[in-house]
Structures are given as C-alpha cells and as structure tokens.
Amino acid sequence: MAANRWLRPEVYPLFASVGLAVGICGMQLIRNISTNPEVRVTKEHRTAGILDNHAEGEKYSQHFVRKFVRGKTPQIMPSLNKFFSDPDLD
C-alpha cells in the first residue's frame, strides 16, 4: 500500500534529484577521505602531526574541474547574454 503511494510517476523527478544530491555528497566525502592531505585515517598517519606539505595541498586544491574552468568566462549562456546585452546586434 505504501509503495503505491510513493512510486507514482510524479515522484520520479524527486527521487532523481535526491539521488543525484546524495551521489554528489558521497563523491565529495570519498574524495576528502581518500585524497585530502589533512585527513589521516590510519593511526600511523595520525601520529605524524602537522606536516608542511604545500605541494600536496596545491595538488588537492587545484583539481581538474578548477583547471578546466580557470580560463573560462563566468557565464552560463554567453551567446544569449551577448544577444540581449549588446546594442550593436539590432
């Protein structure tokens, strides 16, 4: 009875958006645990204390998405923005 209430086609976009949000959060958690230089999971690494590993921190913070977006203009639809904001296109 409860399955019929929640598994209607109208609810599928809600399930998809919540599933996507949970997936993004899970990916970020796994990324932080596995590659963050400040997170130490094992006991041997925790005893090391504070390390001056600037190169590793730079590698972590400048990931591929940030490198890809670095030279781009901060616009979602540049052609549409130019169409509505440029007075020479009359």
Protein backbone atom coordinates (compact mmCIF):
# COMPACT_ATOMS: atom_id res chain seq x y z
CA MET A 1 0.00 0.00 0.00
CA ALA A 2 2.75 2.49 0.92
CA ALA A 3 4.75 1.52 -2.17
CA ASN A 4 1.87 2.60 -4.41
CA ARG A 5 1.75 5.94 -2.65
CA TRP A 6 5.44 6.81 -3.27
CA LEU A 7 6.21 5.02 -6.53
CA ARG A 8 3.98 7.08 -8.75
CA PRO A 9 5.43 8.65 -11.92
CA GLU A 10 5.01 12.13 -10.47
CA VAL A 11 7.58 11.35 -7.77
CA TYR A 12 10.33 10.09 -10.14
CA PRO A 13 11.94 13.55 -10.62
CA LEU A 14 12.09 13.97 -6.85
CA PHE A 15 13.80 10.59 -6.47
CA ALA A 16 16.24 11.50 -9.25
CA SER A 17 17.16 14.87 -7.75
CA VAL A 18 17.58 13.48 -4.24
CA GLY A 19 19.59 10.56 -5.63
CA LEU A 20 21.84 12.97 -7.53
CA ALA A 21 22.37 15.09 -4.40
CA VAL A 22 23.23 12.02 -2.32
CA GLY A 23 25.62 10.86 -5.06
CA ILE A 24 27.41 14.22 -5.15
CA CYS A 25 27.72 14.27 -1.35
CA GLY A 26 29.04 10.71 -1.33
CA MET A 27 31.58 11.52 -4.05
CA GLN A 28 32.82 14.54 -2.09
CA LEU A 29 33.11 12.52 1.11
CA ILE A 30 35.10 9.79 -0.64
CA ARG A 31 37.29 12.42 -2.31
CA ASN A 32 38.04 14.08 1.03
CA ILE A 33 38.79 10.82 2.82
CA SER A 34 40.99 9.43 0.08
CA THR A 35 42.89 12.45 -1.29
CA ASN A 36 42.74 15.32 1.24
CA PRO A 37 46.24 15.83 2.66
CA GLU A 38 44.84 16.97 6.02
CA VAL A 39 42.73 13.84 6.59
CA ARG A 40 44.56 10.91 8.14
CA VAL A 41 42.52 7.76 8.59
CA THR A 42 45.13 5.28 9.82
CA LYS A 43 46.71 5.54 13.25
CA GLU A 44 50.25 5.64 11.84
CA HIS A 45 49.50 8.70 9.74
CA ARG A 46 47.70 10.48 12.59
CA THR A 47 50.81 10.36 14.80
CA ALA A 48 52.75 12.38 12.22
CA GLY A 49 51.13 15.62 13.43
CA ILE A 50 51.03 18.69 11.25
CA LEU A 51 53.01 18.34 8.04
CA ASP A 52 54.28 21.12 5.79
CA ASN A 53 53.23 19.51 2.54
CA HIS A 54 52.35 22.53 0.43
CA ALA A 55 52.85 20.71 -2.87
CA GLU A 56 50.32 18.03 -1.93
CA GLY A 57 47.83 20.67 -0.77
CA GLU A 58 48.26 22.57 -4.03
CA LYS A 59 47.65 19.38 -5.99
CA TYR A 60 44.47 18.70 -3.97
CA SER A 61 43.04 22.21 -4.27
CA GLN A 62 43.78 22.67 -7.98
CA HIS A 63 41.82 19.67 -9.25
CA PHE A 64 40.83 19.04 -12.87
CA VAL A 65 37.48 20.88 -12.69
CA ARG A 66 39.14 24.03 -11.38
CA LYS A 67 41.85 23.80 -14.05
CA PHE A 68 39.19 23.36 -16.74
CA VAL A 69 37.16 26.40 -15.62
CA ARG A 70 40.13 28.66 -14.89
CA GLY A 71 40.26 30.37 -18.30
CA LYS A 72 36.51 30.45 -18.97
CA THR A 73 34.25 33.46 -18.61
CA PRO A 74 31.79 33.13 -15.70
CA GLN A 75 28.69 32.93 -17.87
CA ILE A 76 26.26 30.10 -18.35
CA MET A 77 24.99 31.12 -21.80
CA PRO A 78 27.43 33.67 -23.28
CA SER A 79 25.74 33.86 -26.69
CA LEU A 80 22.35 34.57 -25.11
CA ASN A 81 23.88 37.17 -22.77
CA LYS A 82 25.60 38.86 -25.69
CA PHE A 83 22.38 38.86 -27.72
CA PHE A 84 20.40 40.67 -25.02
CA SER A 85 23.14 43.00 -23.77
CA ASP A 86 24.95 44.08 -26.96
CA PRO A 87 23.21 47.11 -28.53
CA ASP A 88 25.01 46.60 -31.88
CA LEU A 89 23.04 43.45 -32.69
CA ASP A 90 19.83 45.27 -33.67
